[in-house]
Amino acid sequence: MSDPAGGAAAEAPAPVHRTTASDRFLRLLTVVPWIAGQDGPRIAEVCERFGMSRKQLLDDLQVIPLVGLPPYTPDTLIDVTIEGDRVWLRFADVFARPLRLTPEQGLALVAAGAAWRDLPGADAAGPLATALDKVAAVLDVDPDEAVSVALGNTPPGLLDTLRTAVSERRRARIDYYAYGRDQRSLRDVDAYGVFAEEGAWYLRAFCHQAGGERLFRVDRIYGADLLDATFVPPATAGTGTRPHGTEVFTPGPEVPRVTLELAPAARWVVETYPVEQVEEREDGGLRVRLAVSAKPWLERLLVRLGPDARVVDADDEGLRHAGADAARRLLARYREQH
């Protein structure tokens, strides 16, 4: 093309699409399971199927070897092999162990899988889709049906009362059950906000009993009354490192720690509770160290784990026998009732 003056006109540069983290994540959700289900597909075949350039695919594949589980050693990371014009993905052995999903976790997985099927290039008949169908069958749900989500059980009108306390800056008195301490108490709180996260409602407030800002699970609040006193929230209210997070327990150095040896069947503990140290054992189990907010919490955990857990060390001598103490009390109560 020439300009009116007879010179060659420069063509307008093609617009450059900048790949975002969301773009890459969505691509990986479909590309990874498809490649893993094939026997070394050609790179050109992968690019054609998913509408990618060779550079995009190779850039994405550089991220995959960083995906794995703690302690992120080579045997816990996904392996990517590129030879010539073919690519192989092999999952680490830790991904082969069965997961212990609660019904709620299984339903969340099925719902996420239903959304994944709508992504461009998703293999609706591949191994991932088959696995999701099996989970749906176990739960006896249809992924195509509407899902009703309930965020915990709360007394009628409780959320309205808490929201009124937030909007009118009125102090509230709540009847709260502390799960970790297995105690129920009345607390006067200055409510900063009410929000939902990870399937539960939370109240963020300044607790006058604790003398600091706290998060309260709304489904553990038995009742709430508005008081006449009002308050002015500080400028720093709710501006911590996780303003919308659900971390209600941040252990300090004074909080006792325990070390547990977990059987392979109890590995789910590190996926459910915050642990400070994790060591692999030769039998496939784990040795973990975690902080204990209160003895009743540890007792419930150990009773739940049964023979799959053993306390091998504890800062507080009273925690060494927490599981056995709780089991004896449960047995005594059972005998009294029968």
C-alpha atoms as a PDB file:
ATOM      1  CA  MET A   1       0.000   0.000   0.000  1.00  0.00           C
ATOM      2  CA  SER A   2       1.324   3.456  -0.952  1.00  0.00           C
ATOM      3  CA  ASP A   3       0.614   6.839   0.533  1.00  0.00           C
ATOM      4  CA  PRO A   4      -0.459   9.839  -1.689  1.00  0.00           C
ATOM      5  CA  ALA A   5       3.131  11.077  -1.734  1.00  0.00           C
ATOM      6  CA  GLY A   6       4.273   7.866  -3.362  1.00  0.00           C
ATOM      7  CA  GLY A   7       6.061   6.428  -0.332  1.00  0.00           C
ATOM      8  CA  ALA A   8       5.240   3.148   1.289  1.00  0.00           C
ATOM      9  CA  ALA A   9       2.827   3.626   4.164  1.00  0.00           C
ATOM     10  CA  ALA A  10       3.696   1.789   7.360  1.00  0.00           C
ATOM     11  CA  GLU A  11       1.083  -0.747   8.325  1.00  0.00           C
ATOM     12  CA  ALA A  12      -0.538  -0.267  11.712  1.00  0.00           C
ATOM     13  CA  PRO A  13       0.910  -2.737  14.208  1.00  0.00           C
ATOM     14  CA  ALA A  14      -1.403  -5.549  15.182  1.00  0.00           C
ATOM     15  CA  PRO A  15      -2.909  -5.131  18.624  1.00  0.00           C
ATOM     16  CA  VAL A  16      -1.051  -7.107  21.255  1.00  0.00           C
ATOM     17  CA  HIS A  17      -3.161  -9.175  23.627  1.00  0.00           C
ATOM     18  CA  ARG A  18      -1.528  -9.319  27.013  1.00  0.00           C
ATOM     19  CA  THR A  19      -1.969 -12.659  28.715  1.00  0.00           C
ATOM     20  CA  THR A  20      -3.331 -12.269  32.215  1.00  0.00           C
ATOM     21  CA  ALA A  21      -2.998 -14.709  35.085  1.00  0.00           C
ATOM     22  CA  SER A  22      -6.700 -15.524  34.714  1.00  0.00           C
ATOM     23  CA  ASP A  23      -6.220 -16.331  31.018  1.00  0.00           C
ATOM     24  CA  ARG A  24      -3.363 -18.675  31.781  1.00  0.00           C
ATOM     25  CA  PHE A  25      -5.208 -20.348  34.646  1.00  0.00           C
ATOM     26  CA  LEU A  26      -8.258 -21.062  32.491  1.00  0.00           C
ATOM     27  CA  ARG A  27      -6.072 -22.502  29.754  1.00  0.00           C
ATOM     28  CA  LEU A  28      -4.232 -24.737  32.187  1.00  0.00           C
ATOM     29  CA  LEU A  29      -7.518 -26.086  33.549  1.00  0.00           C
ATOM     30  CA  THR A  30      -8.279 -27.558  30.146  1.00  0.00           C
ATOM     31  CA  VAL A  31      -4.831 -28.161  28.653  1.00  0.00           C
ATOM     32  CA  VAL A  32      -3.232 -30.059  31.561  1.00  0.00           C
ATOM     33  CA  PRO A  33      -5.804 -32.866  31.965  1.00  0.00           C
ATOM     34  CA  TRP A  34      -6.042 -33.317  28.178  1.00  0.00           C
ATOM     35  CA  ILE A  35      -2.282 -33.674  27.675  1.00  0.00           C
ATOM     36  CA  ALA A  36      -2.019 -35.968  30.703  1.00  0.00           C
ATOM     37  CA  GLY A  37      -4.683 -38.220  29.183  1.00  0.00           C
ATOM     38  CA  GLN A  38      -2.826 -38.554  25.864  1.00  0.00           C
ATOM     39  CA  ASP A  39       0.277 -40.543  24.968  1.00  0.00           C
ATOM     40  CA  GLY A  40       2.678 -37.748  24.147  1.00  0.00           C
ATOM     41  CA  PRO A  41       0.628 -35.553  21.781  1.00  0.00           C
ATOM     42  CA  ARG A  42       2.413 -33.331  19.307  1.00  0.00           C
ATOM     43  CA  ILE A  43       2.825 -29.711  20.327  1.00  0.00           C
ATOM     44  CA  ALA A  44       1.185 -28.575  17.084  1.00  0.00           C
ATOM     45  CA  GLU A  45      -1.842 -30.775  17.868  1.00  0.00           C
ATOM     46  CA  VAL A  46      -2.208 -29.230  21.335  1.00  0.00           C
ATOM     47  CA  CYS A  47      -1.929 -25.714  19.926  1.00  0.00           C
ATOM     48  CA  GLU A  48      -4.543 -26.390  17.257  1.00  0.00           C
ATOM     49  CA  ARG A  49      -7.002 -27.953  19.695  1.00  0.00           C
ATOM     50  CA  PHE A  50      -6.853 -25.109  22.197  1.00  0.00           C
ATOM     51  CA  GLY A  51      -6.239 -22.205  19.822  1.00  0.00           C
ATOM     52  CA  MET A  52      -2.836 -21.394  21.258  1.00  0.00           C
ATOM     53  CA  SER A  53       0.454 -20.342  19.776  1.00  0.00           C
ATOM     54  CA  ARG A  54       3.499 -22.515  20.337  1.00  0.00           C
ATOM     55  CA  LYS A  55       5.019 -19.795  22.543  1.00  0.00           C
ATOM     56  CA  GLN A  56       1.878 -19.626  24.706  1.00  0.00           C
ATOM     57  CA  LEU A  57       1.905 -23.379  25.214  1.00  0.00           C
ATOM     58  CA  LEU A  58       5.603 -23.553  26.085  1.00  0.00           C
ATOM     59  CA  ASP A  59       5.258 -20.589  28.459  1.00  0.00           C
ATOM     60  CA  ASP A  60       2.353 -22.329  30.211  1.00  0.00           C
ATOM     61  CA  LEU A  61       4.252 -25.592  30.453  1.00  0.00           C
ATOM     62  CA  GLN A  62       7.048 -23.775  32.284  1.00  0.00           C
ATOM     63  CA  VAL A  63       4.580 -23.106  35.118  1.00  0.00           C
ATOM     64  CA  ILE A  64       3.396 -26.715  35.508  1.00  0.00           C
ATOM     65  CA  PRO A  65       6.579 -28.067  37.190  1.00  0.00           C
ATOM     66  CA  LEU A  66       5.945 -25.590  40.023  1.00  0.00           C
ATOM     67  CA  VAL A  67       2.611 -27.254  40.869  1.00  0.00           C
ATOM     68  CA  GLY A  68       2.594 -29.792  43.671  1.00  0.00           C
ATOM     69  CA  LEU A  69       2.201 -30.326  47.399  1.00  0.00           C
ATOM     70  CA  PRO A  70       4.397 -29.489  50.407  1.00  0.00           C
ATOM     71  CA  PRO A  71       7.326 -29.913  50.878  1.00  0.00           C
ATOM     72  CA  TYR A  72       7.568 -29.289  47.083  1.00  0.00           C
ATOM     73  CA  THR A  73      10.366 -31.770  46.511  1.00  0.00           C
ATOM     74  CA  PRO A  74      10.772 -33.269  43.007  1.00  0.00           C
ATOM     75  CA  ASP A  75       8.670 -36.319  43.915  1.00  0.00           C
ATOM     76  CA  THR A  76       5.684 -34.093  44.816  1.00  0.00           C
ATOM     77  CA  LEU A  77       5.672 -31.918  41.679  1.00  0.00           C
ATOM     78  CA  ILE A  78       4.141 -32.498  38.240  1.00  0.00           C
ATOM     79  CA  ASP A  79       6.716 -33.663  35.703  1.00  0.00           C
ATOM     80  CA  VAL A  80       6.810 -32.141  32.203  1.00  0.00           C
ATOM     81  CA  THR A  81       8.819 -33.847  29.457  1.00  0.00           C
ATOM     82  CA  ILE A  82       9.283 -32.341  25.990  1.00  0.00           C
ATOM     83  CA  GLU A  83      11.144 -34.445  23.418  1.00  0.00           C
ATOM     84  CA  GLY A  84      11.294 -33.242  19.835  1.00  0.00           C
ATOM     85  CA  ASP A  85       7.793 -32.074  18.973  1.00  0.00           C
ATOM     86  CA  ARG A  86       5.936 -34.113  21.621  1.00  0.00           C
ATOM     87  CA  VAL A  87       5.013 -33.415  25.226  1.00  0.00           C
ATOM     88  CA  TRP A  88       4.204 -35.643  28.216  1.00  0.00           C
ATOM     89  CA  LEU A  89       2.750 -34.748  31.615  1.00  0.00           C
ATOM     90  CA  ARG A  90       3.083 -37.095  34.549  1.00  0.00           C
ATOM     91  CA  PHE A  91       1.456 -36.394  37.867  1.00  0.00           C
ATOM     92  CA  ALA A  92       3.438 -36.932  41.062  1.00  0.00           C
ATOM     93  CA  ASP A  93       2.585 -39.999  43.123  1.00  0.00           C
ATOM     94  CA  VAL A  94       1.026 -37.833  45.833  1.00  0.00           C
ATOM     95  CA  PHE A  95      -1.768 -36.932  43.411  1.00  0.00           C
ATOM     96  CA  ALA A  96      -2.634 -40.606  43.086  1.00  0.00           C
ATOM     97  CA  ARG A  97      -3.638 -41.051  46.734  1.00  0.00           C
ATOM     98  CA  PRO A  98      -7.396 -40.940  47.333  1.00  0.00           C
ATOM     99  CA  LEU A  99      -8.851 -37.766  48.795  1.00  0.00           C
ATOM    100  CA  ARG A 100     -11.237 -37.838  51.729  1.00  0.00           C
ATOM    101  CA  LEU A 101     -13.928 -35.395  50.657  1.00  0.00           C
ATOM    102  CA  THR A 102     -16.837 -34.273  52.786  1.00  0.00           C
ATOM    103  CA  PRO A 103     -20.222 -34.104  50.995  1.00  0.00           C
ATOM    104  CA  GLU A 104     -19.887 -30.310  50.904  1.00  0.00           C
ATOM    105  CA  GLN A 105     -16.410 -30.523  49.331  1.00  0.00           C
ATOM    106  CA  GLY A 106     -17.637 -33.088  46.819  1.00  0.00           C
ATOM    107  CA  LEU A 107     -20.551 -30.878  45.799  1.00  0.00           C
ATOM    108  CA  ALA A 108     -18.225 -27.891  45.409  1.00  0.00           C
ATOM    109  CA  LEU A 109     -15.978 -30.023  43.196  1.00  0.00           C
ATOM    110  CA  VAL A 110     -18.919 -31.112  41.030  1.00  0.00           C
ATOM    111  CA  ALA A 111     -20.130 -27.513  40.680  1.00  0.00           C
ATOM    112  CA  ALA A 112     -16.629 -26.348  39.684  1.00  0.00           C
ATOM    113  CA  GLY A 113     -16.425 -29.248  37.224  1.00  0.00           C
ATOM    114  CA  ALA A 114     -19.691 -28.222  35.596  1.00  0.00           C
ATOM    115  CA  ALA A 115     -18.229 -24.759  34.999  1.00  0.00           C
ATOM    116  CA  TRP A 116     -14.984 -26.291  33.668  1.00  0.00           C
ATOM    117  CA  ARG A 117     -16.890 -28.278  31.009  1.00  0.00           C
ATOM    118  CA  ASP A 118     -17.967 -24.988  29.429  1.00  0.00           C
ATOM    119  CA  LEU A 119     -14.381 -23.818  28.891  1.00  0.00           C
ATOM    120  CA  PRO A 120     -13.135 -23.851  25.273  1.00  0.00           C
ATOM    121  CA  GLY A 121     -11.309 -27.079  24.458  1.00  0.00           C
ATOM    122  CA  ALA A 122     -12.508 -28.965  27.553  1.00  0.00           C
ATOM    123  CA  ASP A 123     -12.626 -32.710  26.886  1.00  0.00           C
ATOM    124  CA  ALA A 124     -16.148 -33.671  27.967  1.00  0.00           C
ATOM    125  CA  ALA A 125     -15.292 -37.367  27.609  1.00  0.00           C
ATOM    126  CA  GLY A 126     -11.780 -37.261  29.116  1.00  0.00           C
ATOM    127  CA  PRO A 127     -10.533 -38.734  32.418  1.00  0.00           C
ATOM    128  CA  LEU A 128     -11.243 -35.573  34.419  1.00  0.00           C
ATOM    129  CA  ALA A 129     -14.844 -35.438  33.175  1.00  0.00           C
ATOM    130  CA  THR A 130     -15.265 -39.140  33.975  1.00  0.00           C
ATOM    131  CA  ALA A 131     -13.935 -38.620  37.505  1.00  0.00           C
ATOM    132  CA  LEU A 132     -16.338 -35.721  38.073  1.00  0.00           C
ATOM    133  CA  ASP A 133     -19.236 -37.855  36.861  1.00  0.00           C
ATOM    134  CA  LYS A 134     -18.278 -40.524  39.394  1.00  0.00           C
ATOM    135  CA  VAL A 135     -18.222 -37.971  42.224  1.00  0.00           C
ATOM    136  CA  ALA A 136     -21.645 -36.686  41.125  1.00  0.00           C
ATOM    137  CA  ALA A 137     -22.982 -40.250  41.047  1.00  0.00           C
ATOM    138  CA  VAL A 138     -21.749 -40.922  44.589  1.00  0.00           C
ATOM    139  CA  LEU A 139     -23.423 -37.716  45.790  1.00  0.00           C
ATOM    140  CA  ASP A 140     -26.546 -38.531  43.752  1.00  0.00           C
ATOM    141  CA  VAL A 141     -26.640 -35.064  42.179  1.00  0.00           C
ATOM    142  CA  ASP A 142     -27.042 -33.818  38.629  1.00  0.00           C
ATOM    143  CA  PRO A 143     -24.347 -31.212  37.802  1.00  0.00           C
ATOM    144  CA  ASP A 144     -26.724 -29.548  35.327  1.00  0.00           C
ATOM    145  CA  GLU A 145     -29.332 -28.865  37.986  1.00  0.00           C
ATOM    146  CA  ALA A 146     -29.413 -25.667  40.015  1.00  0.00           C
ATOM    147  CA  VAL A 147     -27.465 -25.767  43.272  1.00  0.00           C
ATOM    148  CA  SER A 148     -28.887 -24.194  46.405  1.00  0.00           C
ATOM    149  CA  VAL A 149     -26.222 -22.901  48.788  1.00  0.00           C
ATOM    150  CA  ALA A 150     -26.886 -22.525  52.511  1.00  0.00           C
ATOM    151  CA  LEU A 151     -24.326 -20.564  54.529  1.00  0.00           C
ATOM    152  CA  GLY A 152     -24.591 -22.204  57.924  1.00  0.00           C
ATOM    153  CA  ASN A 153     -27.512 -22.440  60.331  1.00  0.00           C
ATOM    154  CA  THR A 154     -28.444 -19.263  62.166  1.00  0.00           C
ATOM    155  CA  PRO A 155     -31.357 -18.362  64.452  1.00  0.00           C
ATOM    156  CA  PRO A 156     -34.139 -16.395  62.678  1.00  0.00           C
ATOM    157  CA  GLY A 157     -33.397 -12.680  62.551  1.00  0.00           C
ATOM    158  CA  LEU A 158     -29.807 -13.025  63.792  1.00  0.00           C
ATOM    159  CA  LEU A 159     -28.178 -11.756  60.599  1.00  0.00           C
ATOM    160  CA  ASP A 160     -30.568  -8.794  60.510  1.00  0.00           C
ATOM    161  CA  THR A 161     -29.666  -7.919  64.099  1.00  0.00           C
ATOM    162  CA  LEU A 162     -25.950  -8.098  63.386  1.00  0.00           C
ATOM    163  CA  ARG A 163     -26.297  -6.025  60.207  1.00  0.00           C
ATOM    164  CA  THR A 164     -28.249  -3.417  62.149  1.00  0.00           C
ATOM    165  CA  ALA A 165     -25.438  -3.299  64.709  1.00  0.00           C
ATOM    166  CA  VAL A 166     -22.974  -2.678  61.878  1.00  0.00           C
ATOM    167  CA  SER A 167     -25.007  -0.020  60.068  1.00  0.00           C
ATOM    168  CA  GLU A 168     -26.077   1.880  63.209  1.00  0.00           C
ATOM    169  CA  ARG A 169     -22.707   1.498  64.983  1.00  0.00           C
ATOM    170  CA  ARG A 170     -24.420   0.011  68.014  1.00  0.00           C
ATOM    171  CA  ARG A 171     -22.760  -2.295  70.474  1.00  0.00           C
ATOM    172  CA  ALA A 172     -24.203  -5.810  70.607  1.00  0.00           C
ATOM    173  CA  ARG A 173     -24.184  -8.559  73.210  1.00  0.00           C
ATOM    174  CA  ILE A 174     -23.758 -11.987  71.656  1.00  0.00           C
ATOM    175  CA  ASP A 175     -24.176 -15.449  73.167  1.00  0.00           C
ATOM    176  CA  TYR A 176     -21.206 -17.193  71.553  1.00  0.00           C
ATOM    177  CA  TYR A 177     -19.893 -20.754  71.564  1.00  0.00           C
ATOM    178  CA  ALA A 178     -16.091 -20.926  71.272  1.00  0.00           C
ATOM    179  CA  TYR A 179     -15.413 -24.210  69.479  1.00  0.00           C
ATOM    180  CA  GLY A 180     -11.722 -24.363  70.343  1.00  0.00           C
ATOM    181  CA  ARG A 181     -12.326 -23.915  74.086  1.00  0.00           C
ATOM    182  CA  ASP A 182     -15.675 -25.727  74.154  1.00  0.00           C
ATOM    183  CA  GLN A 183     -17.166 -22.812  76.108  1.00  0.00           C
ATOM    184  CA  ARG A 184     -20.245 -20.636  75.747  1.00  0.00           C
ATOM    185  CA  SER A 185     -20.134 -17.041  76.957  1.00  0.00           C
ATOM    186  CA  LEU A 186     -21.736 -13.608  76.639  1.00  0.00           C
ATOM    187  CA  ARG A 187     -19.573 -11.027  74.879  1.00  0.00           C
ATOM    188  CA  ASP A 188     -20.071  -7.324  74.194  1.00  0.00           C
ATOM    189  CA  VAL A 189     -18.835  -6.524  70.694  1.00  0.00           C
ATOM    190  CA  ASP A 190     -18.540  -3.529  68.379  1.00  0.00           C
ATOM    191  CA  ALA A 191     -19.559  -4.995  65.032  1.00  0.00           C
ATOM    192  CA  TYR A 192     -17.520  -3.812  62.030  1.00  0.00           C
ATOM    193  CA  GLY A 193     -18.942  -6.066  59.333  1.00  0.00           C
ATOM    194  CA  VAL A 194     -20.801  -9.255  58.396  1.00  0.00           C
ATOM    195  CA  PHE A 195     -19.631 -11.313  55.409  1.00  0.00           C
ATOM    196  CA  ALA A 196     -19.745 -14.797  53.928  1.00  0.00           C
ATOM    197  CA  GLU A 197     -16.683 -16.822  53.020  1.00  0.00           C
ATOM    198  CA  GLU A 198     -16.018 -20.514  52.332  1.00  0.00           C
ATOM    199  CA  GLY A 199     -19.582 -21.550  53.088  1.00  0.00           C
ATOM    200  CA  ALA A 200     -20.088 -19.732  56.390  1.00  0.00           C
ATOM    201  CA  TRP A 201     -21.164 -16.336  57.722  1.00  0.00           C
ATOM    202  CA  TYR A 202     -18.685 -14.362  59.825  1.00  0.00           C
ATOM    203  CA  LEU A 203     -18.938 -11.339  62.106  1.00  0.00           C
ATOM    204  CA  ARG A 204     -15.891  -9.091  62.334  1.00  0.00           C
ATOM    205  CA  ALA A 205     -15.975  -7.092  65.551  1.00  0.00           C
ATOM    206  CA  PHE A 206     -14.002  -5.664  68.452  1.00  0.00           C
ATOM    207  CA  CYS A 207     -14.537  -7.992  71.390  1.00  0.00           C
ATOM    208  CA  HIS A 208     -14.461  -6.211  74.746  1.00  0.00           C
ATOM    209  CA  GLN A 209     -13.898  -9.490  76.576  1.00  0.00           C
ATOM    210  CA  ALA A 210     -10.827 -10.372  74.504  1.00  0.00           C
ATOM    211  CA  GLY A 211      -9.671  -6.782  74.210  1.00  0.00           C
ATOM    212  CA  GLY A 212      -9.107  -6.906  70.453  1.00  0.00           C
ATOM    213  CA  GLU A 213     -10.589  -7.446  67.015  1.00  0.00           C
ATOM    214  CA  ARG A 214     -11.940 -10.940  66.384  1.00  0.00           C
ATOM    215  CA  LEU A 215     -13.850 -13.007  63.834  1.00  0.00           C
ATOM    216  CA  PHE A 216     -16.929 -14.887  65.033  1.00  0.00           C
ATOM    217  CA  ARG A 217     -18.677 -17.701  63.182  1.00  0.00           C
ATOM    218  CA  VAL A 218     -22.302 -16.591  62.964  1.00  0.00           C
ATOM    219  CA  ASP A 219     -23.568 -20.184  63.153  1.00  0.00           C
ATOM    220  CA  ARG A 220     -21.985 -20.366  66.621  1.00  0.00           C
ATOM    221  CA  ILE A 221     -23.862 -17.307  67.869  1.00  0.00           C
ATOM    222  CA  TYR A 222     -26.972 -18.439  69.766  1.00  0.00           C
ATOM    223  CA  GLY A 223     -28.439 -14.962  70.029  1.00  0.00           C
ATOM    224  CA  ALA A 224     -27.651 -11.247  69.835  1.00  0.00           C
ATOM    225  CA  ASP A 225     -29.149  -8.173  71.504  1.00  0.00           C
ATOM    226  CA  LEU A 226     -28.561  -4.563  70.496  1.00  0.00           C
ATOM    227  CA  LEU A 227     -27.353  -2.306  73.314  1.00  0.00           C
ATOM    228  CA  ASP A 228     -27.813   1.429  73.718  1.00  0.00           C
ATOM    229  CA  ALA A 229     -24.089   2.136  73.589  1.00  0.00           C
ATOM    230  CA  THR A 230     -22.668   3.254  70.245  1.00  0.00           C
ATOM    231  CA  PHE A 231     -19.119   3.259  68.947  1.00  0.00           C
ATOM    232  CA  VAL A 232     -16.894   4.796  66.309  1.00  0.00           C
ATOM    233  CA  PRO A 233     -14.867   2.169  64.443  1.00  0.00           C
ATOM    234  CA  PRO A 234     -11.152   2.928  64.281  1.00  0.00           C
ATOM    235  CA  ALA A 235      -9.610   3.763  60.922  1.00  0.00           C
ATOM    236  CA  THR A 236      -7.739   0.452  61.034  1.00  0.00           C
ATOM    237  CA  ALA A 237     -10.867  -1.657  61.586  1.00  0.00           C
ATOM    238  CA  GLY A 238     -10.731  -4.690  59.327  1.00  0.00           C
ATOM    239  CA  THR A 239      -7.516  -3.603  57.607  1.00  0.00           C
ATOM    240  CA  GLY A 240      -5.312  -6.522  58.623  1.00  0.00           C
ATOM    241  CA  THR A 241      -3.314  -8.644  56.212  1.00  0.00           C
ATOM    242  CA  ARG A 242      -6.465 -10.601  55.346  1.00  0.00           C
ATOM    243  CA  PRO A 243      -9.373  -8.128  55.653  1.00  0.00           C
ATOM    244  CA  HIS A 244     -11.847 -10.657  54.298  1.00  0.00           C
ATOM    245  CA  GLY A 245     -10.126 -13.806  55.485  1.00  0.00           C
ATOM    246  CA  THR A 246     -11.336 -16.326  57.996  1.00  0.00           C
ATOM    247  CA  GLU A 247      -8.226 -16.818  60.082  1.00  0.00           C
ATOM    248  CA  VAL A 248      -9.602 -16.477  63.594  1.00  0.00           C
ATOM    249  CA  PHE A 249      -6.575 -18.013  65.304  1.00  0.00           C
ATOM    250  CA  THR A 250      -3.075 -16.598  64.892  1.00  0.00           C
ATOM    251  CA  PRO A 251      -0.845 -18.409  67.397  1.00  0.00           C
ATOM    252  CA  GLY A 252       1.842 -16.483  69.229  1.00  0.00           C
ATOM    253  CA  PRO A 253       4.989 -17.904  70.859  1.00  0.00           C
ATOM    254  CA  GLU A 254       3.108 -18.432  74.112  1.00  0.00           C
ATOM    255  CA  VAL A 255       0.652 -20.891  72.507  1.00  0.00           C
ATOM    256  CA  PRO A 256       1.678 -24.532  73.162  1.00  0.00           C
ATOM    257  CA  ARG A 257       2.621 -26.766  70.234  1.00  0.00           C
ATOM    258  CA  VAL A 258       2.228 -30.501  69.777  1.00  0.00           C
ATOM    259  CA  THR A 259       3.909 -32.909  67.387  1.00  0.00           C
ATOM    260  CA  LEU A 260       1.759 -35.680  65.926  1.00  0.00           C
ATOM    261  CA  GLU A 261       2.642 -38.756  63.942  1.00  0.00           C
ATOM    262  CA  LEU A 262      -0.116 -39.358  61.421  1.00  0.00           C
ATOM    263  CA  ALA A 263      -0.880 -42.572  59.560  1.00  0.00           C
ATOM    264  CA  PRO A 264      -1.312 -42.308  55.768  1.00  0.00           C
ATOM    265  CA  ALA A 265      -5.102 -42.253  56.229  1.00  0.00           C
ATOM    266  CA  ALA A 266      -4.775 -39.093  58.348  1.00  0.00           C
ATOM    267  CA  ARG A 267      -2.825 -36.988  55.850  1.00  0.00           C
ATOM    268  CA  TRP A 268      -5.976 -34.891  55.386  1.00  0.00           C
ATOM    269  CA  VAL A 269      -5.077 -33.077  58.631  1.00  0.00           C
ATOM    270  CA  VAL A 270      -2.475 -30.904  56.849  1.00  0.00           C
ATOM    271  CA  GLU A 271      -5.091 -29.958  54.247  1.00  0.00           C
ATOM    272  CA  THR A 272      -7.649 -28.987  56.902  1.00  0.00           C
ATOM    273  CA  TYR A 273      -5.716 -27.332  59.739  1.00  0.00           C
ATOM    274  CA  PRO A 274      -2.768 -24.883  59.767  1.00  0.00           C
ATOM    275  CA  VAL A 275       0.435 -26.764  60.549  1.00  0.00           C
ATOM    276  CA  GLU A 276       3.869 -25.270  61.153  1.00  0.00           C
ATOM    277  CA  GLN A 277       6.064 -28.222  60.145  1.00  0.00           C
ATOM    278  CA  VAL A 278       5.489 -31.276  57.962  1.00  0.00           C
ATOM    279  CA  GLU A 279       7.840 -34.234  57.550  1.00  0.00           C
ATOM    280  CA  GLU A 280       7.250 -37.269  55.346  1.00  0.00           C
ATOM    281  CA  ARG A 281       7.530 -40.693  56.967  1.00  0.00           C
ATOM    282  CA  GLU A 282       8.721 -43.861  55.278  1.00  0.00           C
ATOM    283  CA  ASP A 283       5.323 -45.537  55.730  1.00  0.00           C
ATOM    284  CA  GLY A 284       3.577 -42.761  53.792  1.00  0.00           C
ATOM    285  CA  GLY A 285       2.379 -40.987  56.901  1.00  0.00           C
ATOM    286  CA  LEU A 286       3.408 -37.592  58.236  1.00  0.00           C
ATOM    287  CA  ARG A 287       5.013 -36.027  61.284  1.00  0.00           C
ATOM    288  CA  VAL A 288       3.447 -32.611  61.867  1.00  0.00           C
ATOM    289  CA  ARG A 289       3.786 -29.827  64.405  1.00  0.00           C
ATOM    290  CA  LEU A 290       0.868 -27.519  65.071  1.00  0.00           C
ATOM    291  CA  ALA A 291      -0.271 -24.928  67.572  1.00  0.00           C
ATOM    292  CA  VAL A 292      -3.089 -25.774  69.983  1.00  0.00           C
ATOM    293  CA  SER A 293      -5.504 -22.978  70.827  1.00  0.00           C
ATOM    294  CA  ALA A 294      -7.081 -24.998  73.643  1.00  0.00           C
ATOM    295  CA  LYS A 295      -7.025 -28.568  74.928  1.00  0.00           C
ATOM    296  CA  PRO A 296     -10.680 -29.362  73.979  1.00  0.00           C
ATOM    297  CA  TRP A 297      -9.857 -28.687  70.322  1.00  0.00           C
ATOM    298  CA  LEU A 298      -6.952 -31.144  70.391  1.00  0.00           C
ATOM    299  CA  GLU A 299      -9.079 -33.708  72.229  1.00  0.00           C
ATOM    300  CA  ARG A 300     -11.755 -33.633  69.524  1.00  0.00           C
ATOM    301  CA  LEU A 301      -9.150 -33.956  66.793  1.00  0.00           C
ATOM    302  CA  LEU A 302      -7.424 -36.924  68.445  1.00  0.00           C
ATOM    303  CA  VAL A 303     -10.698 -38.722  69.163  1.00  0.00           C
ATOM    304  CA  ARG A 304     -11.676 -38.232  65.531  1.00  0.00           C
ATOM    305  CA  LEU A 305      -8.340 -39.607  64.320  1.00  0.00           C
ATOM    306  CA  GLY A 306      -8.288 -42.542  66.728  1.00  0.00           C
ATOM    307  CA  PRO A 307      -5.404 -44.951  66.062  1.00  0.00           C
ATOM    308  CA  ASP A 308      -4.303 -42.898  63.023  1.00  0.00           C
ATOM    309  CA  ALA A 309      -2.601 -40.291  65.240  1.00  0.00           C
ATOM    310  CA  ARG A 310      -0.127 -40.316  68.103  1.00  0.00           C
ATOM    311  CA  VAL A 311       1.224 -37.426  70.190  1.00  0.00           C
ATOM    312  CA  VAL A 312       5.003 -37.721  70.242  1.00  0.00           C
ATOM    313  CA  ASP A 313       5.890 -34.339  71.736  1.00  0.00           C
ATOM    314  CA  ALA A 314       4.108 -31.433  73.431  1.00  0.00           C
ATOM    315  CA  ASP A 315       5.142 -28.148  75.019  1.00  0.00           C
ATOM    316  CA  ASP A 316       2.425 -28.646  77.640  1.00  0.00           C
ATOM    317  CA  GLU A 317       2.529 -31.966  79.505  1.00  0.00           C
ATOM    318  CA  GLY A 318      -1.259 -31.886  79.809  1.00  0.00           C
ATOM    319  CA  LEU A 319      -1.593 -32.157  76.030  1.00  0.00           C
ATOM    320  CA  ARG A 320       0.392 -35.402  75.757  1.00  0.00           C
ATOM    321  CA  HIS A 321      -2.537 -37.494  76.939  1.00  0.00           C
ATOM    322  CA  ALA A 322      -5.360 -35.322  75.574  1.00  0.00           C
ATOM    323  CA  GLY A 323      -6.740 -38.040  73.306  1.00  0.00           C
ATOM    324  CA  ALA A 324      -6.715 -40.738  75.979  1.00  0.00           C
ATOM    325  CA  ASP A 325      -8.283 -38.381  78.546  1.00  0.00           C
ATOM    326  CA  ALA A 326     -11.105 -37.487  76.184  1.00  0.00           C
ATOM    327  CA  ALA A 327     -11.689 -41.136  75.240  1.00  0.00           C
ATOM    328  CA  ARG A 328     -11.986 -42.104  78.913  1.00  0.00           C
ATOM    329  CA  ARG A 329     -14.548 -39.362  79.544  1.00  0.00           C
ATOM    330  CA  LEU A 330     -16.581 -40.426  76.519  1.00  0.00           C
ATOM    331  CA  LEU A 331     -16.505 -44.056  77.625  1.00  0.00           C
ATOM    332  CA  ALA A 332     -17.580 -43.114  81.156  1.00  0.00           C
ATOM    333  CA  ARG A 333     -20.462 -41.017  79.816  1.00  0.00           C
ATOM    334  CA  TYR A 334     -21.528 -43.837  77.528  1.00  0.00           C
ATOM    335  CA  ARG A 335     -21.573 -46.300  80.427  1.00  0.00           C
ATOM    336  CA  GLU A 336     -23.620 -43.883  82.546  1.00  0.00           C
ATOM    337  CA  GLN A 337     -26.255 -43.581  79.826  1.00  0.00           C
ATOM    338  CA  HIS A 338     -26.388 -47.321  79.097  1.00  0.00           C
END
